[in-house]
């Protein structure tokens, strides 16, 4: 597994919800952590980004209520590709 050269997500809190089609949630979590992100199981006002896969549930609703940025799986893949994780 390639190691990120830098950690652009240090200090950020990310949440994964729903089903990711291109990778398992554990893989996505590991890759985000390599970039410095803290990956949480719940959404709060301190959450930076929620990545919403297929059939996202209450975490997506929580993010929308709190005004947290919501990304698609495609946006996550673009980020990971930019940093070759």
PDB file of N, CA and C in Angstrom:
ATOM      1  N   UNK A   1       0.839  -1.174   0.000  1.00  0.00           N
ATOM      2  CA  UNK A   1       0.000   0.000   0.000  1.00  0.00           C
ATOM      3  C   UNK A   1       0.892   1.248   0.000  1.00  0.00           C
ATOM      4  N   UNK A   2       0.598   2.162  -0.897  1.00  0.00           N
ATOM      5  CA  UNK A   2       1.381   3.391  -0.985  1.00  0.00           C
ATOM      6  C   UNK A   2       1.092   4.273   0.225  1.00  0.00           C
ATOM      7  N   UNK A   3       2.095   4.966   0.662  1.00  0.00           N
ATOM      8  CA  UNK A   3       1.932   5.879   1.792  1.00  0.00           C
ATOM      9  C   UNK A   3       1.874   7.303   1.256  1.00  0.00           C
ATOM     10  N   UNK A   4       0.927   8.062   1.738  1.00  0.00           N
ATOM     11  CA  UNK A   4       0.780   9.446   1.285  1.00  0.00           C
ATOM     12  C   UNK A   4       2.041  10.238   1.624  1.00  0.00           C
ATOM     13  N   UNK A   5       2.445  11.094   0.700  1.00  0.00           N
ATOM     14  CA  UNK A   5       3.631  11.914   0.910  1.00  0.00           C
ATOM     15  C   UNK A   5       3.388  13.000   1.955  1.00  0.00           C
ATOM     16  N   UNK A   6       2.173  13.461   2.023  1.00  0.00           N
ATOM     17  CA  UNK A   6       1.818  14.474   3.009  1.00  0.00           C
ATOM     18  C   UNK A   6       0.420  14.148   3.524  1.00  0.00           C
ATOM     19  N   UNK A   7       0.000  14.845   4.535  1.00  0.00           N
ATOM     20  CA  UNK A   7      -1.302  14.561   5.137  1.00  0.00           C
ATOM     21  C   UNK A   7      -2.196  15.800   5.090  1.00  0.00           C
ATOM     22  N   UNK A   8      -2.858  16.002   3.951  1.00  0.00           N
ATOM     23  CA  UNK A   8      -3.672  17.213   3.784  1.00  0.00           C
ATOM     24  C   UNK A   8      -4.940  17.237   4.640  1.00  0.00           C
ATOM     25  N   UNK A   9      -5.306  16.110   5.235  1.00  0.00           N
ATOM     26  CA  UNK A   9      -6.548  16.063   6.001  1.00  0.00           C
ATOM     27  C   UNK A   9      -6.341  16.105   7.511  1.00  0.00           C
ATOM     28  N   UNK A  10      -5.122  16.428   7.949  1.00  0.00           N
ATOM     29  CA  UNK A  10      -4.844  16.499   9.381  1.00  0.00           C
ATOM     30  C   UNK A  10      -5.792  17.510  10.030  1.00  0.00           C
ATOM     31  N   UNK A  11      -6.374  17.110  11.148  1.00  0.00           N
ATOM     32  CA  UNK A  11      -7.288  17.994  11.863  1.00  0.00           C
ATOM     33  C   UNK A  11      -8.723  17.902  11.387  1.00  0.00           C
ATOM     34  N   UNK A  12      -8.974  17.092  10.369  1.00  0.00           N
ATOM     35  CA  UNK A  12     -10.334  16.949   9.850  1.00  0.00           C
ATOM     36  C   UNK A  12     -10.964  15.664  10.357  1.00  0.00           C
ATOM     37  N   UNK A  13     -12.271  15.693  10.516  1.00  0.00           N
ATOM     38  CA  UNK A  13     -13.036  14.525  10.942  1.00  0.00           C
ATOM     39  C   UNK A  13     -13.973  14.120   9.809  1.00  0.00           C
ATOM     40  N   UNK A  14     -13.874  12.874   9.370  1.00  0.00           N
ATOM     41  CA  UNK A  14     -14.670  12.365   8.256  1.00  0.00           C
ATOM     42  C   UNK A  14     -15.556  11.233   8.746  1.00  0.00           C
ATOM     43  N   UNK A  15     -16.715  11.083   8.111  1.00  0.00           N
ATOM     44  CA  UNK A  15     -17.639  10.000   8.426  1.00  0.00           C
ATOM     45  C   UNK A  15     -18.019   9.312   7.116  1.00  0.00           C
ATOM     46  N   UNK A  16     -18.023   7.983   7.142  1.00  0.00           N
ATOM     47  CA  UNK A  16     -18.443   7.191   5.984  1.00  0.00           C
ATOM     48  C   UNK A  16     -19.814   6.612   6.275  1.00  0.00           C
ATOM     49  N   UNK A  17     -20.729   6.703   5.308  1.00  0.00           N
ATOM     50  CA  UNK A  17     -22.057   6.135   5.486  1.00  0.00           C
ATOM     51  C   UNK A  17     -22.545   5.538   4.175  1.00  0.00           C
ATOM     52  N   UNK A  18     -23.405   4.565   4.267  1.00  0.00           N
ATOM     53  CA  UNK A  18     -23.910   3.904   3.071  1.00  0.00           C
ATOM     54  C   UNK A  18     -22.910   2.894   2.529  1.00  0.00           C
ATOM     55  N   UNK A  19     -23.231   2.344   1.370  1.00  0.00           N
ATOM     56  CA  UNK A  19     -22.402   1.320   0.745  1.00  0.00           C
ATOM     57  C   UNK A  19     -21.505   1.946  -0.310  1.00  0.00           C
ATOM     58  N   UNK A  20     -20.207   1.708  -0.189  1.00  0.00           N
ATOM     59  CA  UNK A  20     -19.260   2.179  -1.204  1.00  0.00           C
ATOM     60  C   UNK A  20     -19.068   1.051  -2.205  1.00  0.00           C
ATOM     61  N   UNK A  21     -19.158   1.369  -3.495  1.00  0.00           N
ATOM     62  CA  UNK A  21     -19.104   0.325  -4.521  1.00  0.00           C
ATOM     63  C   UNK A  21     -17.691  -0.005  -4.971  1.00  0.00           C
ATOM     64  N   UNK A  22     -16.768   0.939  -4.853  1.00  0.00           N
ATOM     65  CA  UNK A  22     -15.425   0.722  -5.394  1.00  0.00           C
ATOM     66  C   UNK A  22     -14.444   0.142  -4.388  1.00  0.00           C
ATOM     67  N   UNK A  23     -14.782   0.234  -3.098  1.00  0.00           N
ATOM     68  CA  UNK A  23     -13.895  -0.293  -2.059  1.00  0.00           C
ATOM     69  C   UNK A  23     -14.715  -0.515  -0.801  1.00  0.00           C
ATOM     70  N   UNK A  24     -14.204  -1.331   0.089  1.00  0.00           N
ATOM     71  CA  UNK A  24     -14.881  -1.533   1.357  1.00  0.00           C
ATOM     72  C   UNK A  24     -14.735  -0.305   2.236  1.00  0.00           C
ATOM     73  N   UNK A  25     -15.610  -0.197   3.203  1.00  0.00           N
ATOM     74  CA  UNK A  25     -15.546   0.945   4.112  1.00  0.00           C
ATOM     75  C   UNK A  25     -14.236   0.940   4.899  1.00  0.00           C
ATOM     76  N   UNK A  26     -13.753  -0.245   5.257  1.00  0.00           N
ATOM     77  CA  UNK A  26     -12.487  -0.334   5.995  1.00  0.00           C
ATOM     78  C   UNK A  26     -11.330   0.200   5.152  1.00  0.00           C
ATOM     79  N   UNK A  27     -11.343  -0.110   3.847  1.00  0.00           N
ATOM     80  CA  UNK A  27     -10.293   0.400   2.944  1.00  0.00           C
ATOM     81  C   UNK A  27     -10.352   1.920   2.861  1.00  0.00           C
ATOM     82  N   UNK A  28     -11.562   2.436   2.699  1.00  0.00           N
ATOM     83  CA  UNK A  28     -11.739   3.890   2.596  1.00  0.00           C
ATOM     84  C   UNK A  28     -11.271   4.563   3.883  1.00  0.00           C
ATOM     85  N   UNK A  29     -11.618   3.964   5.013  1.00  0.00           N
ATOM     86  CA  UNK A  29     -11.209   4.515   6.309  1.00  0.00           C
ATOM     87  C   UNK A  29      -9.689   4.547   6.425  1.00  0.00           C
ATOM     88  N   UNK A  30      -9.040   3.447   6.051  1.00  0.00           N
ATOM     89  CA  UNK A  30      -7.577   3.373   6.129  1.00  0.00           C
ATOM     90  C   UNK A  30      -6.927   4.419   5.232  1.00  0.00           C
ATOM     91  N   UNK A  31      -7.473   4.612   4.051  1.00  0.00           N
ATOM     92  CA  UNK A  31      -6.885   5.580   3.113  1.00  0.00           C
ATOM     93  C   UNK A  31      -7.064   7.009   3.618  1.00  0.00           C
ATOM     94  N   UNK A  32      -8.219   7.304   4.197  1.00  0.00           N
ATOM     95  CA  UNK A  32      -8.423   8.633   4.768  1.00  0.00           C
ATOM     96  C   UNK A  32      -7.481   8.863   5.946  1.00  0.00           C
ATOM     97  N   UNK A  33      -7.286   7.843   6.756  1.00  0.00           N
ATOM     98  CA  UNK A  33      -6.377   7.968   7.894  1.00  0.00           C
ATOM     99  C   UNK A  33      -4.943   8.185   7.420  1.00  0.00           C
ATOM    100  N   UNK A  34      -4.565   7.571   6.312  1.00  0.00           N
ATOM    101  CA  UNK A  34      -3.213   7.794   5.763  1.00  0.00           C
ATOM    102  C   UNK A  34      -3.021   9.253   5.376  1.00  0.00           C
ATOM    103  N   UNK A  35      -4.123   9.912   5.007  1.00  0.00           N
ATOM    104  CA  UNK A  35      -4.056  11.329   4.637  1.00  0.00           C
ATOM    105  C   UNK A  35      -4.209  12.235   5.853  1.00  0.00           C
ATOM    106  N   UNK A  36      -4.304  11.630   7.035  1.00  0.00           N
ATOM    107  CA  UNK A  36      -4.327  12.416   8.261  1.00  0.00           C
ATOM    108  C   UNK A  36      -5.692  12.637   8.877  1.00  0.00           C
ATOM    109  N   UNK A  37      -6.749  12.151   8.234  1.00  0.00           N
ATOM    110  CA  UNK A  37      -8.096  12.382   8.755  1.00  0.00           C
ATOM    111  C   UNK A  37      -8.399  11.467   9.930  1.00  0.00           C
ATOM    112  N   UNK A  38      -9.241  11.957  10.815  1.00  0.00           N
ATOM    113  CA  UNK A  38      -9.833  11.112  11.851  1.00  0.00           C
ATOM    114  C   UNK A  38     -11.154  10.625  11.257  1.00  0.00           C
ATOM    115  N   UNK A  39     -11.385   9.320  11.280  1.00  0.00           N
ATOM    116  CA  UNK A  39     -12.631   8.781  10.735  1.00  0.00           C
ATOM    117  C   UNK A  39     -13.521   8.373  11.900  1.00  0.00           C
ATOM    118  N   UNK A  40     -14.685   8.988  11.958  1.00  0.00           N
ATOM    119  CA  UNK A  40     -15.603   8.805  13.079  1.00  0.00           C
ATOM    120  C   UNK A  40     -16.817   7.987  12.650  1.00  0.00           C
ATOM    121  N   UNK A  41     -17.486   7.417  13.629  1.00  0.00           N
ATOM    122  CA  UNK A  41     -18.686   6.640  13.345  1.00  0.00           C
ATOM    123  C   UNK A  41     -19.964   7.448  13.464  1.00  0.00           C
ATOM    124  N   UNK A  42     -19.842   8.695  13.917  1.00  0.00           N
ATOM    125  CA  UNK A  42     -21.043   9.514  14.076  1.00  0.00           C
ATOM    126  C   UNK A  42     -20.795  10.938  13.601  1.00  0.00           C
ATOM    127  N   UNK A  43     -21.869  11.578  13.190  1.00  0.00           N
ATOM    128  CA  UNK A  43     -21.806  12.943  12.660  1.00  0.00           C
ATOM    129  C   UNK A  43     -22.029  13.941  13.789  1.00  0.00           C
ATOM    130  N   UNK A  44     -21.197  14.978  13.822  1.00  0.00           N
ATOM    131  CA  UNK A  44     -21.391  16.069  14.779  1.00  0.00           C
ATOM    132  C   UNK A  44     -21.073  17.381  14.066  1.00  0.00           C
ATOM    133  N   UNK A  45     -21.248  18.483  14.779  1.00  0.00           N
ATOM    134  CA  UNK A  45     -20.942  19.779  14.160  1.00  0.00           C
ATOM    135  C   UNK A  45     -19.451  19.922  13.887  1.00  0.00           C
ATOM    136  N   UNK A  46     -18.625  19.047  14.479  1.00  0.00           N
ATOM    137  CA  UNK A  46     -17.186  19.085  14.233  1.00  0.00           C
ATOM    138  C   UNK A  46     -16.774  18.254  13.016  1.00  0.00           C
ATOM    139  N   UNK A  47     -17.720  17.509  12.432  1.00  0.00           N
ATOM    140  CA  UNK A  47     -17.434  16.689  11.254  1.00  0.00           C
ATOM    141  C   UNK A  47     -17.115  17.598  10.075  1.00  0.00           C
ATOM    142  N   UNK A  48     -16.041  17.262   9.354  1.00  0.00           N
ATOM    143  CA  UNK A  48     -15.639  18.050   8.189  1.00  0.00           C
ATOM    144  C   UNK A  48     -16.415  17.620   6.948  1.00  0.00           C
ATOM    145  N   UNK A  49     -16.428  16.306   6.684  1.00  0.00           N
ATOM    146  CA  UNK A  49     -17.071  15.772   5.480  1.00  0.00           C
ATOM    147  C   UNK A  49     -17.737  14.441   5.811  1.00  0.00           C
ATOM    148  N   UNK A  50     -18.938  14.233   5.259  1.00  0.00           N
ATOM    149  CA  UNK A  50     -19.589  12.927   5.281  1.00  0.00           C
ATOM    150  C   UNK A  50     -19.555  12.392   3.856  1.00  0.00           C
ATOM    151  N   UNK A  51     -18.994  11.197   3.683  1.00  0.00           N
ATOM    152  CA  UNK A  51     -18.998  10.542   2.372  1.00  0.00           C
ATOM    153  C   UNK A  51     -20.206   9.615   2.358  1.00  0.00           C
ATOM    154  N   UNK A  52     -21.143   9.900   1.467  1.00  0.00           N
ATOM    155  CA  UNK A  52     -22.405   9.156   1.418  1.00  0.00           C
ATOM    156  C   UNK A  52     -22.420   8.215   0.227  1.00  0.00           C
ATOM    157  N   UNK A  53     -22.385   6.922   0.528  1.00  0.00           N
ATOM    158  CA  UNK A  53     -22.513   5.904  -0.507  1.00  0.00           C
ATOM    159  C   UNK A  53     -23.983   5.575  -0.727  1.00  0.00           C
ATOM    160  N   UNK A  54     -24.232   4.492  -1.451  1.00  0.00           N
ATOM    161  CA  UNK A  54     -25.598   4.064  -1.725  1.00  0.00           C
ATOM    162  C   UNK A  54     -26.310   3.718  -0.427  1.00  0.00           C
ATOM    163  N   UNK A  55     -27.594   4.017  -0.373  1.00  0.00           N
ATOM    164  CA  UNK A  55     -28.440   3.701   0.770  1.00  0.00           C
ATOM    165  C   UNK A  55     -27.936   4.326   2.078  1.00  0.00           C
ATOM    166  N   UNK A  56     -27.403   5.534   1.971  1.00  0.00           N
ATOM    167  CA  UNK A  56     -26.979   6.259   3.172  1.00  0.00           C
ATOM    168  C   UNK A  56     -28.215   6.553   4.021  1.00  0.00           C
ATOM    169  N   UNK A  57     -28.066   6.463   5.326  1.00  0.00           N
ATOM    170  CA  UNK A  57     -29.221   6.619   6.207  1.00  0.00           C
ATOM    171  C   UNK A  57     -29.174   7.851   7.071  1.00  0.00           C
ATOM    172  N   UNK A  58     -29.293   7.631   8.371  1.00  0.00           N
ATOM    173  CA  UNK A  58     -29.450   8.746   9.312  1.00  0.00           C
ATOM    174  C   UNK A  58     -28.217   9.647   9.374  1.00  0.00           C
ATOM    175  N   UNK A  59     -27.029   9.104   9.109  1.00  0.00           N
ATOM    176  CA  UNK A  59     -25.824   9.953   9.143  1.00  0.00           C
ATOM    177  C   UNK A  59     -25.910  11.030   8.066  1.00  0.00           C
ATOM    178  N   UNK A  60     -26.465  10.680   6.913  1.00  0.00           N
ATOM    179  CA  UNK A  60     -26.638  11.663   5.838  1.00  0.00           C
ATOM    180  C   UNK A  60     -27.632  12.739   6.287  1.00  0.00           C
ATOM    181  N   UNK A  61     -28.731  12.318   6.882  1.00  0.00           N
ATOM    182  CA  UNK A  61     -29.726  13.283   7.385  1.00  0.00           C
ATOM    183  C   UNK A  61     -29.114  14.196   8.434  1.00  0.00           C
ATOM    184  N   UNK A  62     -28.335  13.606   9.353  1.00  0.00           N
ATOM    185  CA  UNK A  62     -27.680  14.393  10.398  1.00  0.00           C
ATOM    186  C   UNK A  62     -26.750  15.435   9.785  1.00  0.00           C
ATOM    187  N   UNK A  63     -25.978  15.014   8.783  1.00  0.00           N
ATOM    188  CA  UNK A  63     -25.037  15.926   8.125  1.00  0.00           C
ATOM    189  C   UNK A  63     -25.781  17.097   7.496  1.00  0.00           C
ATOM    190  N   UNK A  64     -26.885  16.791   6.817  1.00  0.00           N
ATOM    191  CA  UNK A  64     -27.651  17.849   6.160  1.00  0.00           C
ATOM    192  C   UNK A  64     -28.229  18.819   7.197  1.00  0.00           C
ATOM    193  N   UNK A  65     -28.713  18.302   8.311  1.00  0.00           N
ATOM    194  CA  UNK A  65     -29.272  19.167   9.360  1.00  0.00           C
ATOM    195  C   UNK A  65     -28.207  20.072   9.959  1.00  0.00           C
ATOM    196  N   UNK A  66     -26.974  19.533  10.095  1.00  0.00           N
ATOM    197  CA  UNK A  66     -25.890  20.296  10.721  1.00  0.00           C
ATOM    198  C   UNK A  66     -25.119  21.171   9.721  1.00  0.00           C
ATOM    199  N   UNK A  67     -25.449  21.047   8.447  1.00  0.00           N
ATOM    200  CA  UNK A  67     -24.756  21.834   7.432  1.00  0.00           C
ATOM    201  C   UNK A  67     -23.351  21.324   7.127  1.00  0.00           C
ATOM    202  N   UNK A  68     -23.127  20.027   7.379  1.00  0.00           N
ATOM    203  CA  UNK A  68     -21.819  19.413   7.111  1.00  0.00           C
ATOM    204  C   UNK A  68     -21.723  19.096   5.616  1.00  0.00           C
ATOM    205  N   UNK A  69     -20.551  19.285   5.063  1.00  0.00           N
ATOM    206  CA  UNK A  69     -20.320  18.987   3.651  1.00  0.00           C
ATOM    207  C   UNK A  69     -20.540  17.495   3.386  1.00  0.00           C
ATOM    208  N   UNK A  70     -21.293  17.173   2.324  1.00  0.00           N
ATOM    209  CA  UNK A  70     -21.559  15.783   1.947  1.00  0.00           C
ATOM    210  C   UNK A  70     -20.915  15.519   0.590  1.00  0.00           C
ATOM    211  N   UNK A  71     -20.086  14.479   0.548  1.00  0.00           N
ATOM    212  CA  UNK A  71     -19.403  14.098  -0.689  1.00  0.00           C
ATOM    213  C   UNK A  71     -19.951  12.781  -1.207  1.00  0.00           C
ATOM    214  N   UNK A  72     -19.888  12.631  -2.519  1.00  0.00           N
ATOM    215  CA  UNK A  72     -20.214  11.350  -3.142  1.00  0.00           C
ATOM    216  C   UNK A  72     -18.974  10.457  -3.120  1.00  0.00           C
ATOM    217  N   UNK A  73     -19.184   9.194  -3.403  1.00  0.00           N
ATOM    218  CA  UNK A  73     -18.041   8.280  -3.490  1.00  0.00           C
ATOM    219  C   UNK A  73     -17.078   8.737  -4.588  1.00  0.00           C
ATOM    220  N   UNK A  74     -17.610   9.274  -5.684  1.00  0.00           N
ATOM    221  CA  UNK A  74     -16.757   9.744  -6.781  1.00  0.00           C
ATOM    222  C   UNK A  74     -15.828  10.867  -6.316  1.00  0.00           C
ATOM    223  N   UNK A  75     -16.337  11.770  -5.488  1.00  0.00           N
ATOM    224  CA  UNK A  75     -15.501  12.855  -4.967  1.00  0.00           C
ATOM    225  C   UNK A  75     -14.391  12.305  -4.071  1.00  0.00           C
ATOM    226  N   UNK A  76     -14.728  11.293  -3.269  1.00  0.00           N
ATOM    227  CA  UNK A  76     -13.726  10.653  -2.427  1.00  0.00           C
ATOM    228  C   UNK A  76     -12.644  10.009  -3.292  1.00  0.00           C
ATOM    229  N   UNK A  77     -13.053   9.311  -4.337  1.00  0.00           N
ATOM    230  CA  UNK A  77     -12.085   8.652  -5.220  1.00  0.00           C
ATOM    231  C   UNK A  77     -11.175   9.674  -5.905  1.00  0.00           C
ATOM    232  N   UNK A  78     -11.737  10.827  -6.281  1.00  0.00           N
ATOM    233  CA  UNK A  78     -10.933  11.892  -6.881  1.00  0.00           C
ATOM    234  C   UNK A  78      -9.866  12.378  -5.885  1.00  0.00           C
ATOM    235  N   UNK A  79     -10.280  12.588  -4.646  1.00  0.00           N
ATOM    236  CA  UNK A  79      -9.345  13.033  -3.596  1.00  0.00           C
ATOM    237  C   UNK A  79      -8.227  12.001  -3.421  1.00  0.00           C
ATOM    238  N   UNK A  80      -8.595  10.734  -3.316  1.00  0.00           N
ATOM    239  CA  UNK A  80      -7.602   9.687  -3.111  1.00  0.00           C
ATOM    240  C   UNK A  80      -6.655   9.594  -4.307  1.00  0.00           C
ATOM    241  N   UNK A  81      -7.193   9.781  -5.522  1.00  0.00           N
ATOM    242  CA  UNK A  81      -6.353   9.718  -6.719  1.00  0.00           C
ATOM    243  C   UNK A  81      -5.357  10.873  -6.755  1.00  0.00           C
ATOM    244  N   UNK A  82      -5.777  12.036  -6.301  1.00  0.00           N
ATOM    245  CA  UNK A  82      -4.882  13.207  -6.279  1.00  0.00           C
ATOM    246  C   UNK A  82      -3.697  12.974  -5.353  1.00  0.00           C
ATOM    247  N   UNK A  83      -3.912  12.187  -4.322  1.00  0.00           N
ATOM    248  CA  UNK A  83      -2.860  11.970  -3.321  1.00  0.00           C
ATOM    249  C   UNK A  83      -2.277  10.562  -3.380  1.00  0.00           C
ATOM    250  N   UNK A  84      -2.621   9.841  -4.453  1.00  0.00           N
ATOM    251  CA  UNK A  84      -2.112   8.488  -4.712  1.00  0.00           C
ATOM    252  C   UNK A  84      -2.054   7.622  -3.463  1.00  0.00           C
ATOM    253  N   UNK A  85      -3.201   7.471  -2.851  1.00  0.00           N
ATOM    254  CA  UNK A  85      -3.302   6.601  -1.667  1.00  0.00           C
ATOM    255  C   UNK A  85      -3.799   5.250  -2.112  1.00  0.00           C
TER     256      UNK A  85
END
